[in-house]
C-alpha atoms as a PDB file:
ATOM      1  CA  UNK A   1      17.149   4.450   4.122  1.00  0.00           C
ATOM      2  CA  UNK A   2      14.300   3.059   2.069  1.00  0.00           C
ATOM      3  CA  UNK A   3      14.545  -0.716   1.841  1.00  0.00           C
ATOM      4  CA  UNK A   4      17.418  -1.153   4.287  1.00  0.00           C
ATOM      5  CA  UNK A   5      15.035  -1.715   7.216  1.00  0.00           C
ATOM      6  CA  UNK A   6      13.149  -4.444   5.333  1.00  0.00           C
ATOM      7  CA  UNK A   7      14.588  -7.822   6.413  1.00  0.00           C
ATOM      8  CA  UNK A   8      14.085  -9.295   2.938  1.00  0.00           C
ATOM      9  CA  UNK A   9      16.163  -6.553   1.330  1.00  0.00           C
ATOM     10  CA  UNK A  10      18.591  -5.701   4.135  1.00  0.00           C
ATOM     11  CA  UNK A  11      21.288  -8.048   2.823  1.00  0.00           C
ATOM     12  CA  UNK A  12      21.212  -6.750  -0.754  1.00  0.00           C
ATOM     13  CA  UNK A  13      20.481  -3.020  -0.343  1.00  0.00           C
ATOM     14  CA  UNK A  14      23.867  -1.444   0.222  1.00  0.00           C
ATOM     15  CA  UNK A  15      24.286   1.571   2.483  1.00  0.00           C
ATOM     16  CA  UNK A  16      28.029   2.074   1.892  1.00  0.00           C
ATOM     17  CA  UNK A  17      30.134   1.529  -1.208  1.00  0.00           C
ATOM     18  CA  UNK A  18      33.887   1.979  -0.844  1.00  0.00           C
ATOM     19  CA  UNK A  19      35.041   0.108  -3.932  1.00  0.00           C
ATOM     20  CA  UNK A  20      33.669  -2.123  -6.659  1.00  0.00           C
ATOM     21  CA  UNK A  21      35.106  -5.082  -4.750  1.00  0.00           C
ATOM     22  CA  UNK A  22      32.403  -4.500  -2.121  1.00  0.00           C
ATOM     23  CA  UNK A  23      29.680  -5.090  -4.748  1.00  0.00           C
ATOM     24  CA  UNK A  24      28.361  -8.607  -5.221  1.00  0.00           C
ATOM     25  CA  UNK A  25      25.769 -10.273  -7.432  1.00  0.00           C
ATOM     26  CA  UNK A  26      22.218  -9.179  -6.650  1.00  0.00           C
ATOM     27  CA  UNK A  27      23.292  -6.092  -4.672  1.00  0.00           C
ATOM     28  CA  UNK A  28      20.858  -3.234  -5.213  1.00  0.00           C
ATOM     29  CA  UNK A  29      22.557   0.098  -5.866  1.00  0.00           C
ATOM     30  CA  UNK A  30      22.094   3.372  -7.683  1.00  0.00           C
ATOM     31  CA  UNK A  31      24.280   3.575 -10.782  1.00  0.00           C
ATOM     32  CA  UNK A  32      24.913   6.264 -13.355  1.00  0.00           C
ATOM     33  CA  UNK A  33      24.544   5.249 -17.003  1.00  0.00           C
ATOM     34  CA  UNK A  34      26.763   6.449 -19.852  1.00  0.00           C
ATOM     35  CA  UNK A  35      24.363   9.355 -20.441  1.00  0.00           C
ATOM     36  CA  UNK A  36      24.840  10.624 -16.879  1.00  0.00           C
ATOM     37  CA  UNK A  37      21.426   9.546 -15.538  1.00  0.00           C
ATOM     38  CA  UNK A  38      21.092   7.736 -12.203  1.00  0.00           C
ATOM     39  CA  UNK A  39      18.948   4.585 -11.976  1.00  0.00           C
ATOM     40  CA  UNK A  40      18.141   1.956  -9.404  1.00  0.00           C
ATOM     41  CA  UNK A  41      20.302  -0.972 -10.514  1.00  0.00           C
ATOM     42  CA  UNK A  42      21.311  -4.532  -9.702  1.00  0.00           C
ATOM     43  CA  UNK A  43      24.793  -6.035  -9.864  1.00  0.00           C
ATOM     44  CA  UNK A  44      24.358  -8.952 -12.264  1.00  0.00           C
ATOM     45  CA  UNK A  45      27.838 -10.439 -12.526  1.00  0.00           C
ATOM     46  CA  UNK A  46      31.211 -10.281 -10.830  1.00  0.00           C
ATOM     47  CA  UNK A  47      33.454 -10.489 -13.871  1.00  0.00           C
ATOM     48  CA  UNK A  48      36.659 -10.258 -11.856  1.00  0.00           C
ATOM     49  CA  UNK A  49      38.332  -8.110  -9.227  1.00  0.00           C
ATOM     50  CA  UNK A  50      36.911  -4.584  -9.443  1.00  0.00           C
ATOM     51  CA  UNK A  51      34.911  -5.494 -12.546  1.00  0.00           C
ATOM     52  CA  UNK A  52      31.083  -5.715 -12.331  1.00  0.00           C
ATOM     53  CA  UNK A  53      28.178  -6.033 -14.789  1.00  0.00           C
ATOM     54  CA  UNK A  54      25.368  -3.654 -13.759  1.00  0.00           C
ATOM     55  CA  UNK A  55      21.743  -3.809 -14.911  1.00  0.00           C
ATOM     56  CA  UNK A  56      19.741  -0.575 -14.877  1.00  0.00           C
ATOM     57  CA  UNK A  57      16.249  -1.566 -13.724  1.00  0.00           C
ATOM     58  CA  UNK A  58      14.218   0.657 -16.050  1.00  0.00           C
ATOM     59  CA  UNK A  59      15.791  -0.912 -19.150  1.00  0.00           C
ATOM     60  CA  UNK A  60      16.278  -4.228 -20.915  1.00  0.00           C
ATOM     61  CA  UNK A  61      19.581  -6.029 -20.544  1.00  0.00           C
ATOM     62  CA  UNK A  62      20.968  -4.468 -23.740  1.00  0.00           C
ATOM     63  CA  UNK A  63      21.597  -1.319 -21.646  1.00  0.00           C
ATOM     64  CA  UNK A  64      23.692  -3.161 -19.042  1.00  0.00           C
ATOM     65  CA  UNK A  65      27.156  -1.731 -18.511  1.00  0.00           C
ATOM     66  CA  UNK A  66      30.426  -3.057 -17.209  1.00  0.00           C
ATOM     67  CA  UNK A  67      31.910  -1.052 -14.360  1.00  0.00           C
ATOM     68  CA  UNK A  68      35.552  -1.029 -13.289  1.00  0.00           C
ATOM     69  CA  UNK A  69      37.219   0.603 -10.300  1.00  0.00           C
ATOM     70  CA  UNK A  70      37.548   3.752 -12.431  1.00  0.00           C
ATOM     71  CA  UNK A  71      33.724   3.948 -12.341  1.00  0.00           C
ATOM     72  CA  UNK A  72      33.368   3.830  -8.556  1.00  0.00           C
ATOM     73  CA  UNK A  73      32.114   7.448  -8.598  1.00  0.00           C
ATOM     74  CA  UNK A  74      29.200   6.219 -10.775  1.00  0.00           C
ATOM     75  CA  UNK A  75      27.788   3.959  -8.045  1.00  0.00           C
ATOM     76  CA  UNK A  76      26.012   5.002  -4.894  1.00  0.00           C
ATOM     77  CA  UNK A  77      23.888   3.395  -2.171  1.00  0.00           C
ATOM     78  CA  UNK A  78      20.451   2.321  -3.374  1.00  0.00           C
ATOM     79  CA  UNK A  79      17.760   5.007  -3.416  1.00  0.00           C
ATOM     80  CA  UNK A  80      20.306   7.789  -2.785  1.00  0.00           C
ATOM     81  CA  UNK A  81      20.536   9.304  -6.285  1.00  0.00           C
ATOM     82  CA  UNK A  82      17.995   7.620  -8.537  1.00  0.00           C
ATOM     83  CA  UNK A  83      14.804   9.490  -9.220  1.00  0.00           C
ATOM     84  CA  UNK A  84      11.806   7.320  -8.510  1.00  0.00           C
ATOM     85  CA  UNK A  85       8.267   8.468  -9.064  1.00  0.00           C
ATOM     86  CA  UNK A  86       6.866   5.712  -6.857  1.00  0.00           C
ATOM     87  CA  UNK A  87       9.592   4.499  -4.472  1.00  0.00           C
ATOM     88  CA  UNK A  88       7.261   2.204  -2.532  1.00  0.00           C
ATOM     89  CA  UNK A  89       6.115   0.554  -5.771  1.00  0.00           C
ATOM     90  CA  UNK A  90       9.738  -0.030  -6.804  1.00  0.00           C
ATOM     91  CA  UNK A  91      10.508  -1.394  -3.332  1.00  0.00           C
ATOM     92  CA  UNK A  92       7.580  -3.833  -3.538  1.00  0.00           C
ATOM     93  CA  UNK A  93       8.833  -5.039  -6.915  1.00  0.00           C
ATOM     94  CA  UNK A  94      12.292  -5.665  -5.477  1.00  0.00           C
ATOM     95  CA  UNK A  95      10.787  -7.440  -2.479  1.00  0.00           C
ATOM     96  CA  UNK A  96       8.769  -9.704  -4.778  1.00  0.00           C
ATOM     97  CA  UNK A  97      11.902 -10.513  -6.810  1.00  0.00           C
ATOM     98  CA  UNK A  98      13.920 -11.540  -3.761  1.00  0.00           C
ATOM     99  CA  UNK A  99      11.142 -13.481  -1.999  1.00  0.00           C
ATOM    100  CA  UNK A 100      10.212 -15.604  -5.033  1.00  0.00           C
ATOM    101  CA  UNK A 101      13.701 -16.693  -6.092  1.00  0.00           C
END
């Protein structure tokens, strides 16, 4: 899977998602927005058990959504459902984010 083999991203790029409880801050996932579109996303906040704030990377934070366990079908492993024109470019951007923290 793209990104999972990169040691910088291996800890944050998820390959399996069984429940929202398995998602933690800074995990990189694919998530479906309220319009039904899939985007590469980052878990921004763990607001409680089975309650996560998700940021869709193409947008500003005003498009962030809260996900509950009822939304588990709207999350997927990173790079599995999102449509990326330049996946390597997106991967390099993620790598830069995690190496300069």
